[in-house]
Amino acid sequence: MKERIPSDDAIQKFIDASDDLMKLGIGFSNNVGSAFLEFREHLNMLMKTHFVEKAVVEMLSDSFARMESKVQTNMESIVKIYQEGGYWYSFYLGRALKRHVDVPSVWRRQELDSVERAKESQ
């Protein structure tokens, strides 16, 4: 059975769609961050009123700060995964299609770091 290799145009459309998906994930992460900022503004306005007890204000503020920190850390990790994953995806797709694709710089940097650490430990 003869293998059918997709046309360059079809491959480019697929790569563009994959890139758009990666950007959508990054955009989603940014939107979550913006929602937290907006919520923080509303929470701060609420806390400045006299309708909420001081102890409740402190508890809410502390709880929100901890939650915001955890969510922010997770969103930054998601963005990193999308960015690095996109590089590796392009690399392996290119290799599968027998095209020259440079190894992602992220991997080169990690490889160089591990070599430097090995030299330092000796």
N, C-alpha and C. Protein backbone atom coordinates (compact mmCIF):
# COMPACT_ATOMS: atom_id res chain seq x y z
N MET A 1 0.85 -1.17 0.00
CA MET A 1 0.00 0.00 0.00
C MET A 1 0.89 1.24 0.00
N LYS A 2 0.57 2.17 -0.83
CA LYS A 2 1.38 3.39 -0.97
C LYS A 2 0.95 4.42 0.08
N GLU A 3 1.97 5.01 0.76
CA GLU A 3 1.69 6.05 1.75
C GLU A 3 1.39 7.36 1.04
N ARG A 4 0.40 8.06 1.54
CA ARG A 4 0.04 9.35 0.95
C ARG A 4 0.54 10.44 1.89
N ILE A 5 1.45 11.25 1.39
CA ILE A 5 2.00 12.35 2.20
C ILE A 5 1.14 13.58 1.96
N PRO A 6 0.71 14.23 3.03
CA PRO A 6 -0.13 15.43 2.87
C PRO A 6 0.62 16.54 2.13
N SER A 7 -0.14 17.38 1.46
CA SER A 7 0.47 18.49 0.73
C SER A 7 1.04 19.51 1.72
N ASP A 8 1.95 20.34 1.23
CA ASP A 8 2.53 21.39 2.08
C ASP A 8 1.45 22.32 2.62
N ASP A 9 0.45 22.60 1.80
CA ASP A 9 -0.64 23.48 2.22
C ASP A 9 -1.44 22.85 3.36
N ALA A 10 -1.73 21.56 3.25
CA ALA A 10 -2.48 20.86 4.30
C ALA A 10 -1.67 20.81 5.58
N ILE A 11 -0.38 20.58 5.47
CA ILE A 11 0.49 20.55 6.65
C ILE A 11 0.52 21.92 7.31
N GLN A 12 0.66 22.96 6.50
CA GLN A 12 0.71 24.32 7.05
C GLN A 12 -0.60 24.69 7.74
N LYS A 13 -1.73 24.29 7.18
CA LYS A 13 -3.03 24.55 7.82
C LYS A 13 -3.11 23.84 9.17
N PHE A 14 -2.62 22.61 9.21
CA PHE A 14 -2.64 21.85 10.45
C PHE A 14 -1.75 22.51 11.51
N ILE A 15 -0.56 22.92 11.10
CA ILE A 15 0.37 23.58 12.03
C ILE A 15 -0.22 24.90 12.52
N ASP A 16 -0.83 25.66 11.61
CA ASP A 16 -1.46 26.94 12.00
C ASP A 16 -2.60 26.71 12.99
N ALA A 17 -3.40 25.67 12.75
CA ALA A 17 -4.51 25.36 13.66
C ALA A 17 -3.96 24.96 15.04
N SER A 18 -2.88 24.20 15.05
CA SER A 18 -2.27 23.80 16.32
C SER A 18 -1.72 25.02 17.05
N ASP A 19 -1.10 25.92 16.31
CA ASP A 19 -0.57 27.15 16.90
C ASP A 19 -1.70 27.99 17.48
N ASP A 20 -2.81 28.07 16.76
CA ASP A 20 -3.97 28.82 17.25
C ASP A 20 -4.49 28.20 18.55
N LEU A 21 -4.48 26.87 18.64
CA LEU A 21 -4.92 26.20 19.85
C LEU A 21 -4.01 26.54 21.03
N MET A 22 -2.71 26.56 20.79
CA MET A 22 -1.76 26.93 21.84
C MET A 22 -2.00 28.37 22.30
N LYS A 23 -2.20 29.26 21.35
CA LYS A 23 -2.46 30.67 21.69
C LYS A 23 -3.78 30.82 22.45
N LEU A 24 -4.76 30.01 22.10
CA LEU A 24 -6.05 30.05 22.79
C LEU A 24 -5.86 29.66 24.26
N GLY A 25 -5.05 28.64 24.52
CA GLY A 25 -4.78 28.24 25.90
C GLY A 25 -4.08 29.34 26.68
N ILE A 26 -3.11 30.00 26.04
CA ILE A 26 -2.41 31.10 26.69
C ILE A 26 -3.38 32.26 26.94
N GLY A 27 -4.23 32.54 25.97
CA GLY A 27 -5.23 33.60 26.14
C GLY A 27 -6.19 33.29 27.27
N PHE A 28 -6.59 32.04 27.38
CA PHE A 28 -7.47 31.62 28.48
C PHE A 28 -6.80 31.89 29.82
N SER A 29 -5.53 31.53 29.93
CA SER A 29 -4.80 31.77 31.18
C SER A 29 -4.76 33.26 31.51
N ASN A 30 -4.53 34.07 30.50
CA ASN A 30 -4.51 35.52 30.72
C ASN A 30 -5.88 36.04 31.14
N ASN A 31 -6.95 35.48 30.57
CA ASN A 31 -8.31 35.89 30.95
C ASN A 31 -8.61 35.56 32.40
N VAL A 32 -8.14 34.41 32.85
CA VAL A 32 -8.35 34.03 34.26
C VAL A 32 -7.63 35.03 35.16
N GLY A 33 -6.40 35.40 34.78
CA GLY A 33 -5.65 36.39 35.54
C GLY A 33 -6.37 37.73 35.61
N SER A 34 -6.94 38.15 34.49
CA SER A 34 -7.69 39.40 34.45
C SER A 34 -8.94 39.33 35.33
N ALA A 35 -9.61 38.19 35.33
CA ALA A 35 -10.80 38.01 36.17
C ALA A 35 -10.43 38.14 37.65
N PHE A 36 -9.27 37.60 38.03
CA PHE A 36 -8.83 37.72 39.42
C PHE A 36 -8.56 39.18 39.78
N LEU A 37 -7.95 39.92 38.88
CA LEU A 37 -7.69 41.33 39.16
C LEU A 37 -8.99 42.10 39.34
N GLU A 38 -9.96 41.82 38.47
CA GLU A 38 -11.26 42.48 38.57
C GLU A 38 -11.96 42.12 39.88
N PHE A 39 -11.91 40.83 40.25
CA PHE A 39 -12.52 40.40 41.50
C PHE A 39 -11.84 41.07 42.69
N ARG A 40 -10.50 41.17 42.64
CA ARG A 40 -9.76 41.81 43.73
C ARG A 40 -10.20 43.28 43.89
N GLU A 41 -10.41 43.98 42.80
CA GLU A 41 -10.87 45.37 42.86
C GLU A 41 -12.22 45.46 43.56
N HIS A 42 -13.15 44.59 43.18
CA HIS A 42 -14.48 44.59 43.81
C HIS A 42 -14.39 44.20 45.29
N LEU A 43 -13.55 43.23 45.59
CA LEU A 43 -13.38 42.80 46.97
C LEU A 43 -12.79 43.94 47.81
N ASN A 44 -11.82 44.64 47.27
CA ASN A 44 -11.22 45.77 47.99
C ASN A 44 -12.23 46.87 48.27
N MET A 45 -13.10 47.15 47.29
CA MET A 45 -14.13 48.17 47.51
C MET A 45 -15.09 47.72 48.60
N LEU A 46 -15.47 46.44 48.59
CA LEU A 46 -16.37 45.91 49.60
C LEU A 46 -15.74 46.00 50.99
N MET A 47 -14.47 45.71 51.07
CA MET A 47 -13.79 45.70 52.37
C MET A 47 -13.63 47.11 52.95
N LYS A 48 -13.73 48.11 52.13
CA LYS A 48 -13.58 49.49 52.62
C LYS A 48 -14.89 50.04 53.19
N THR A 49 -15.97 49.30 52.98
CA THR A 49 -17.25 49.76 53.52
C THR A 49 -17.36 49.39 54.99
N HIS A 50 -18.36 49.93 55.64
CA HIS A 50 -18.59 49.64 57.05
C HIS A 50 -19.61 48.51 57.23
N PHE A 51 -19.99 47.86 56.14
CA PHE A 51 -20.99 46.82 56.20
C PHE A 51 -20.40 45.46 56.56
N VAL A 52 -19.09 45.35 56.56
CA VAL A 52 -18.44 44.07 56.83
C VAL A 52 -17.53 44.22 58.05
N GLU A 53 -17.63 43.26 58.96
CA GLU A 53 -16.81 43.29 60.17
C GLU A 53 -15.33 43.18 59.80
N LYS A 54 -14.49 43.83 60.62
CA LYS A 54 -13.05 43.85 60.36
C LYS A 54 -12.45 42.45 60.32
N ALA A 55 -12.86 41.56 61.20
CA ALA A 55 -12.33 40.19 61.23
C ALA A 55 -12.67 39.45 59.95
N VAL A 56 -13.88 39.67 59.46
CA VAL A 56 -14.32 39.03 58.21
C VAL A 56 -13.50 39.57 57.04
N VAL A 57 -13.25 40.86 57.04
CA VAL A 57 -12.44 41.49 55.98
C VAL A 57 -11.05 40.87 55.96
N GLU A 58 -10.44 40.73 57.11
CA GLU A 58 -9.09 40.16 57.19
C GLU A 58 -9.08 38.69 56.73
N MET A 59 -10.10 37.94 57.14
CA MET A 59 -10.19 36.54 56.76
C MET A 59 -10.38 36.41 55.24
N LEU A 60 -11.28 37.19 54.69
CA LEU A 60 -11.52 37.16 53.25
C LEU A 60 -10.27 37.57 52.47
N SER A 61 -9.63 38.61 52.92
CA SER A 61 -8.44 39.10 52.25
C SER A 61 -7.33 38.05 52.24
N ASP A 62 -7.11 37.43 53.38
CA ASP A 62 -6.07 36.40 53.48
C ASP A 62 -6.42 35.19 52.62
N SER A 63 -7.65 34.74 52.69
CA SER A 63 -8.08 33.57 51.90
C SER A 63 -7.95 33.84 50.41
N PHE A 64 -8.38 35.02 50.00
CA PHE A 64 -8.30 35.36 48.58
C PHE A 64 -6.85 35.45 48.13
N ALA A 65 -5.98 36.02 48.92
CA ALA A 65 -4.57 36.15 48.55
C ALA A 65 -3.93 34.77 48.36
N ARG A 66 -4.25 33.83 49.25
CA ARG A 66 -3.70 32.47 49.12
C ARG A 66 -4.24 31.78 47.88
N MET A 67 -5.54 31.90 47.65
CA MET A 67 -6.14 31.28 46.48
C MET A 67 -5.57 31.90 45.20
N GLU A 68 -5.47 33.21 45.17
CA GLU A 68 -4.95 33.91 44.00
C GLU A 68 -3.52 33.46 43.69
N SER A 69 -2.71 33.30 44.72
CA SER A 69 -1.33 32.86 44.53
C SER A 69 -1.26 31.46 43.92
N LYS A 70 -2.08 30.56 44.43
CA LYS A 70 -2.10 29.19 43.90
C LYS A 70 -2.59 29.15 42.45
N VAL A 71 -3.64 29.87 42.17
CA VAL A 71 -4.18 29.88 40.81
C VAL A 71 -3.17 30.51 39.85
N GLN A 72 -2.55 31.60 40.26
CA GLN A 72 -1.56 32.27 39.42
C GLN A 72 -0.40 31.33 39.10
N THR A 73 0.08 30.61 40.09
CA THR A 73 1.18 29.66 39.88
C THR A 73 0.77 28.59 38.87
N ASN A 74 -0.45 28.07 39.03
CA ASN A 74 -0.93 27.04 38.11
C ASN A 74 -1.12 27.59 36.70
N MET A 75 -1.61 28.82 36.58
CA MET A 75 -1.81 29.40 35.26
C MET A 75 -0.47 29.66 34.57
N GLU A 76 0.52 30.08 35.31
CA GLU A 76 1.86 30.28 34.74
C GLU A 76 2.42 28.95 34.24
N SER A 77 2.16 27.88 34.99
CA SER A 77 2.61 26.56 34.56
C SER A 77 1.90 26.12 33.29
N ILE A 78 0.62 26.41 33.21
CA ILE A 78 -0.14 26.05 32.00
C ILE A 78 0.41 26.79 30.79
N VAL A 79 0.70 28.07 30.94
CA VAL A 79 1.27 28.85 29.83
C VAL A 79 2.61 28.25 29.41
N LYS A 80 3.42 27.89 30.38
CA LYS A 80 4.73 27.29 30.07
C LYS A 80 4.55 25.98 29.30
N ILE A 81 3.60 25.17 29.73
CA ILE A 81 3.34 23.90 29.05
C ILE A 81 2.89 24.15 27.61
N TYR A 82 2.00 25.11 27.42
CA TYR A 82 1.55 25.43 26.06
C TYR A 82 2.70 25.90 25.20
N GLN A 83 3.54 26.79 25.73
CA GLN A 83 4.65 27.31 24.94
C GLN A 83 5.66 26.23 24.59
N GLU A 84 6.14 25.52 25.60
CA GLU A 84 7.14 24.48 25.35
C GLU A 84 6.54 23.32 24.57
N GLY A 85 5.30 22.98 24.88
CA GLY A 85 4.63 21.90 24.15
C GLY A 85 4.48 22.22 22.68
N GLY A 86 4.21 23.47 22.38
CA GLY A 86 4.09 23.89 20.99
C GLY A 86 5.40 23.72 20.24
N TYR A 87 6.50 24.06 20.89
CA TYR A 87 7.82 23.90 20.25
C TYR A 87 8.09 22.42 19.96
N TRP A 88 7.85 21.58 20.96
CA TRP A 88 8.12 20.16 20.78
C TRP A 88 7.17 19.54 19.77
N TYR A 89 5.93 19.98 19.77
CA TYR A 89 4.96 19.45 18.82
C TYR A 89 5.44 19.73 17.40
N SER A 90 5.87 20.96 17.14
CA SER A 90 6.36 21.32 15.81
C SER A 90 7.59 20.50 15.45
N PHE A 91 8.46 20.30 16.42
CA PHE A 91 9.68 19.53 16.19
C PHE A 91 9.35 18.10 15.77
N TYR A 92 8.51 17.42 16.55
CA TYR A 92 8.20 16.02 16.25
C TYR A 92 7.34 15.89 14.99
N LEU A 93 6.46 16.82 14.75
CA LEU A 93 5.67 16.78 13.53
C LEU A 93 6.59 16.93 12.32
N GLY A 94 7.52 17.88 12.40
CA GLY A 94 8.47 18.06 11.31
C GLY A 94 9.31 16.83 11.08
N ARG A 95 9.77 16.21 12.16
CA ARG A 95 10.59 14.99 12.03
C ARG A 95 9.77 13.86 11.41
N ALA A 96 8.51 13.74 11.80
CA ALA A 96 7.65 12.69 11.27
C ALA A 96 7.43 12.86 9.77
N LEU A 97 7.43 14.11 9.33
CA LEU A 97 7.22 14.39 7.91
C LEU A 97 8.54 14.47 7.14
N LYS A 98 9.62 14.04 7.82
CA LYS A 98 10.96 14.00 7.23
C LYS A 98 11.42 15.38 6.75
N ARG A 99 11.19 16.37 7.61
CA ARG A 99 11.64 17.73 7.32
C ARG A 99 12.64 18.15 8.37
N HIS A 100 13.52 19.05 7.99
CA HIS A 100 14.51 19.54 8.95
C HIS A 100 13.84 20.55 9.88
N VAL A 101 13.88 20.25 11.15
CA VAL A 101 13.35 21.16 12.17
C VAL A 101 14.39 21.23 13.27
N ASP A 102 14.75 22.44 13.67
CA ASP A 102 15.73 22.60 14.75
C ASP A 102 15.16 22.09 16.06
N VAL A 103 16.05 21.54 16.89
CA VAL A 103 15.65 21.11 18.22
C VAL A 103 15.23 22.35 18.99
N PRO A 104 14.11 22.30 19.71
CA PRO A 104 13.66 23.48 20.46
C PRO A 104 14.74 24.01 21.39
N SER A 105 14.87 25.31 21.44
CA SER A 105 15.89 25.94 22.29
C SER A 105 15.68 25.61 23.76
N VAL A 106 14.46 25.33 24.14
CA VAL A 106 14.16 24.96 25.53
C VAL A 106 14.94 23.70 25.90
N TRP A 107 14.95 22.71 25.00
CA TRP A 107 15.65 21.46 25.27
C TRP A 107 17.15 21.70 25.30
N ARG A 108 17.66 22.49 24.36
CA ARG A 108 19.09 22.78 24.34
C ARG A 108 19.52 23.44 25.64
N ARG A 109 18.71 24.38 26.12
CA ARG A 109 19.03 25.09 27.36
C ARG A 109 19.04 24.11 28.54
N GLN A 110 18.07 23.20 28.59
CA GLN A 110 18.02 22.21 29.67
C GLN A 110 19.22 21.27 29.59
N GLU A 111 19.58 20.90 28.37
CA GLU A 111 20.73 20.00 28.19
C GLU A 111 22.01 20.70 28.64
N LEU A 112 22.18 21.96 28.26
CA LEU A 112 23.37 22.71 28.67
C LEU A 112 23.41 22.88 30.19
N ASP A 113 22.27 23.15 30.79
CA ASP A 113 22.21 23.30 32.25
C ASP A 113 22.62 22.01 32.95
N SER A 114 22.16 20.87 32.44
CA SER A 114 22.51 19.59 33.08
C SER A 114 24.00 19.29 32.91
N VAL A 115 24.58 19.65 31.78
CA VAL A 115 26.02 19.45 31.56
C VAL A 115 26.81 20.33 32.53
N GLU A 116 26.38 21.58 32.69
CA GLU A 116 27.07 22.50 33.62
C GLU A 116 26.97 22.00 35.06
N ARG A 117 25.81 21.49 35.45
CA ARG A 117 25.64 20.96 36.80
C ARG A 117 26.56 19.76 37.04
N ALA A 118 26.68 18.92 36.01
CA ALA A 118 27.54 17.74 36.14
C ALA A 118 29.00 18.17 36.31
N LYS A 119 29.42 19.21 35.58
CA LYS A 119 30.79 19.71 35.71
C LYS A 119 31.03 20.30 37.09
N GLU A 120 30.04 21.03 37.61
CA GLU A 120 30.17 21.66 38.92
C GLU A 120 30.25 20.63 40.05
N SER A 121 29.57 19.51 39.89
CA SER A 121 29.56 18.51 40.95
C SER A 121 30.86 17.69 41.00
N GLN A 122 31.65 17.78 39.94
CA GLN A 122 32.90 17.01 39.91
C GLN A 122 34.00 17.67 40.66
